[in-house]
Protein backbone atom coordinates (compact mmCIF):
# COMPACT_ATOMS: atom_id res chain seq x y z
CA MET A 1 64.03 58.28 -5.08
CA PRO A 2 61.18 60.33 -3.22
CA PRO A 3 61.74 61.86 -0.05
CA ARG A 4 60.72 59.64 3.12
CA ARG A 5 57.46 59.82 4.94
CA LYS A 6 57.57 60.48 8.69
CA TYR A 7 55.34 58.42 10.55
CA VAL A 8 52.44 59.65 11.13
CA ARG A 9 50.73 58.88 13.96
CA LYS A 10 46.46 58.12 14.52
CA ASP A 11 43.72 60.60 15.48
CA PRO A 12 43.85 61.30 19.15
CA THR A 13 40.41 61.60 19.27
CA ARG A 14 39.66 57.96 18.40
CA SER A 15 39.04 55.97 21.72
CA SER A 16 41.35 52.73 21.51
CA GLY A 17 39.53 51.52 24.53
CA LYS A 18 41.85 53.38 26.85
CA PRO A 19 40.29 56.23 28.73
CA SER A 20 41.78 59.78 28.67
CA LYS A 21 44.12 60.49 31.35
CA SER A 22 41.17 62.96 33.47
CA LYS A 23 38.77 60.01 33.45
CA LYS A 24 37.97 58.53 37.33
CA CYS A 25 37.63 55.37 38.17
CA ASN A 26 34.07 54.47 38.28
CA ILE A 27 34.14 51.97 40.88
CA LYS A 28 32.32 53.66 44.36
CA GLY A 29 34.91 54.94 46.49
CA CYS A 30 38.07 54.95 44.24
CA ASP A 31 39.16 58.47 42.56
CA LYS A 32 42.14 56.53 40.90
CA PRO A 33 42.12 57.58 36.52
CA ALA A 34 41.10 54.84 34.86
CA VAL A 35 43.01 52.65 32.32
CA ARG A 36 40.87 50.38 30.77
CA SER A 37 37.21 50.80 29.32
CA LEU A 38 34.99 47.87 29.37
CA SER A 39 31.35 46.90 28.16
CA ARG A 40 29.10 46.72 31.45
CA GLN A 41 27.37 44.38 29.44
CA GLN A 42 29.72 41.50 29.39
CA ASN A 43 31.45 42.31 32.39
CA GLU A 44 28.87 43.27 34.82
CA GLU A 45 29.07 39.44 36.20
CA TYR A 46 32.69 39.45 36.94
CA LEU A 47 31.59 42.70 38.34
CA LEU A 48 28.87 41.52 41.07
CA ASP A 49 31.37 38.45 41.58
CA ALA A 50 34.49 40.82 42.80
CA GLY A 51 31.54 42.24 45.25
CA LEU A 52 32.47 45.68 43.49
CA GLU A 53 29.62 48.70 42.45
CA LEU A 54 29.26 51.14 39.98
CA GLU A 55 28.89 55.05 41.26
CA SER A 56 25.84 55.27 38.52
CA SER A 57 24.22 52.81 37.34
CA ARG A 58 23.26 54.53 34.12
CA ASP A 59 26.89 53.78 32.96
CA ARG A 60 27.46 51.69 29.78
CA ARG A 61 30.68 51.27 30.74
CA ILE A 62 32.80 50.00 32.98
CA LYS A 63 36.06 52.45 33.83
CA PRO A 64 38.45 50.85 36.02
CA CYS A 65 41.41 51.73 37.63
CA ALA A 66 44.60 49.75 37.47
CA GLU A 67 43.69 47.63 40.62
CA HIS A 68 39.95 47.24 39.79
CA TYR A 69 40.89 46.18 36.27
CA LYS A 70 43.50 43.21 38.34
CA LEU A 71 40.56 41.97 40.15
CA LEU A 72 37.85 41.87 37.11
CA LYS A 73 40.81 40.08 34.76
CA LYS A 74 41.03 37.50 37.54
CA ARG A 75 37.62 36.58 37.47
CA LYS A 76 37.37 36.85 34.30
CA LYS A 77 40.18 34.09 33.65
CA LYS A 78 38.66 31.82 36.18
CA ASP A 79 35.21 31.81 34.90
CA ASP A 80 36.99 31.19 31.30
CA LYS A 81 38.97 28.40 32.09
CA ILE A 82 36.19 26.60 33.73
CA LYS A 83 33.95 27.46 30.83
CA ARG A 84 37.15 25.77 28.79
CA LEU A 85 37.02 22.61 30.88
CA ARG A 86 33.68 22.00 30.12
CA PHE A 87 33.99 22.48 26.84
CA ASP A 88 36.64 20.35 26.74
CA ALA A 89 34.78 17.54 28.15
CA ARG A 90 31.80 17.44 26.43
CA THR A 91 33.64 17.28 23.21
CA SER A 92 35.94 14.66 24.35
CA GLY A 93 33.40 12.33 24.32
CA GLY A 94 33.55 11.92 27.90
CA LYS A 95 37.04 11.10 28.33
CA GLY A 96 38.31 14.27 30.49
CA LEU A 97 41.07 15.86 29.59
CA ARG A 98 43.39 15.98 26.83
CA TYR A 99 46.92 16.76 27.07
């Protein structure tokens, strides 16, 4: 029987959506470490809705700390819920919500 291979970790240089520990939150006035890296194009609406500004207008990515990520996530969840309700009302033939 051949010997078992040990578990090999993935390449640490590959990105998994989580920035390295040395990256800082790129929201104006925040110096905490970033916990996520989000697309600016998809999340800019939620950023403005939360009243947040980026340090640089040229950044393609939003790198929020835990606190700012939580704010963005709440805004996105609220917006998704509204979109889902609109879609349900449209597809149910005007009968409202279905349970």
